Protein backbone atom coordinates (compact mmCIF):
# COMPACT_ATOMS: atom_id res chain seq x y z
CA MET A 1 -43.84 52.32 -24.93
CA ILE A 2 -45.20 55.67 -23.81
CA ARG A 3 -47.86 55.44 -26.54
CA VAL A 4 -49.11 52.13 -25.18
CA ARG A 5 -49.27 53.47 -21.62
CA GLU A 6 -51.12 56.61 -22.72
CA ALA A 7 -53.47 54.55 -24.91
CA GLN A 8 -54.25 52.32 -21.91
CA LYS A 9 -55.12 55.39 -19.82
CA ALA A 10 -57.30 56.77 -22.61
CA PHE A 11 -59.01 53.41 -22.99
CA HIS A 12 -60.04 53.38 -19.34
CA ARG A 13 -60.98 57.06 -19.26
CA TYR A 14 -63.14 56.90 -22.40
CA TYR A 15 -64.32 53.30 -22.12
CA ALA A 16 -68.04 54.05 -21.64
CA ARG A 17 -68.17 56.60 -24.45
CA CYS A 18 -65.82 55.16 -27.05
CA PHE A 19 -64.93 51.54 -26.35
CA TRP A 20 -68.06 49.98 -24.85
CA TYR A 21 -67.95 47.22 -27.48
CA MET A 22 -64.52 46.01 -26.35
CA ARG A 23 -63.61 43.98 -23.28
CA ASP A 24 -63.30 46.28 -20.29
CA ASP A 25 -60.19 44.45 -19.03
CA LEU A 26 -58.27 44.84 -22.30
CA ARG A 27 -54.52 45.15 -21.94
CA VAL A 28 -53.61 47.59 -24.69
CA THR A 29 -50.70 46.56 -26.90
CA LEU A 30 -49.00 48.43 -29.71
CA SER A 31 -51.26 46.72 -32.24
CA ASP A 32 -54.34 48.07 -30.38
CA VAL A 33 -53.26 51.72 -30.57
CA PRO A 34 -54.79 52.36 -34.04
CA GLU A 35 -58.18 51.13 -32.78
CA ILE A 36 -57.91 53.34 -29.69
CA VAL A 37 -57.07 56.31 -31.91
CA ARG A 38 -60.02 55.56 -34.20
CA GLY A 39 -62.44 55.32 -31.29
CA LEU A 40 -61.20 58.54 -29.73
CA ARG A 41 -61.49 60.40 -33.00
CA GLN A 42 -64.95 59.12 -33.75
CA TYR A 43 -66.64 59.22 -30.34
CA GLY A 44 -64.35 61.14 -27.96
CA GLY A 45 -65.43 64.65 -28.81
CA ARG A 46 -62.90 67.44 -29.07
CA GLU A 47 -60.92 66.29 -26.05
CA GLY A 48 -60.71 62.73 -27.35
CA TYR A 49 -59.77 63.93 -30.81
CA LEU A 50 -56.87 65.96 -29.42
CA LEU A 51 -55.72 63.01 -27.34
CA ALA A 52 -55.84 60.77 -30.40
CA GLU A 53 -53.54 63.20 -32.22
CA LYS A 54 -51.00 62.93 -29.38
CA LEU A 55 -51.10 59.14 -29.66
CA CYS A 56 -50.25 59.38 -33.35
CA LEU A 57 -46.98 61.24 -32.80
């Protein structure tokens, strides 16, 4: 469940830039990880893109 924990951290860190359309108190589950990855890739810049790649491993 390391992916879920890291996705939760990324969600909070990038909330304003990437996930503003989602609830701010979202508890990330394994089924939410693909949406977190998509948001990071699309709106997270280079740093977010690299983080998204780590979540895919």
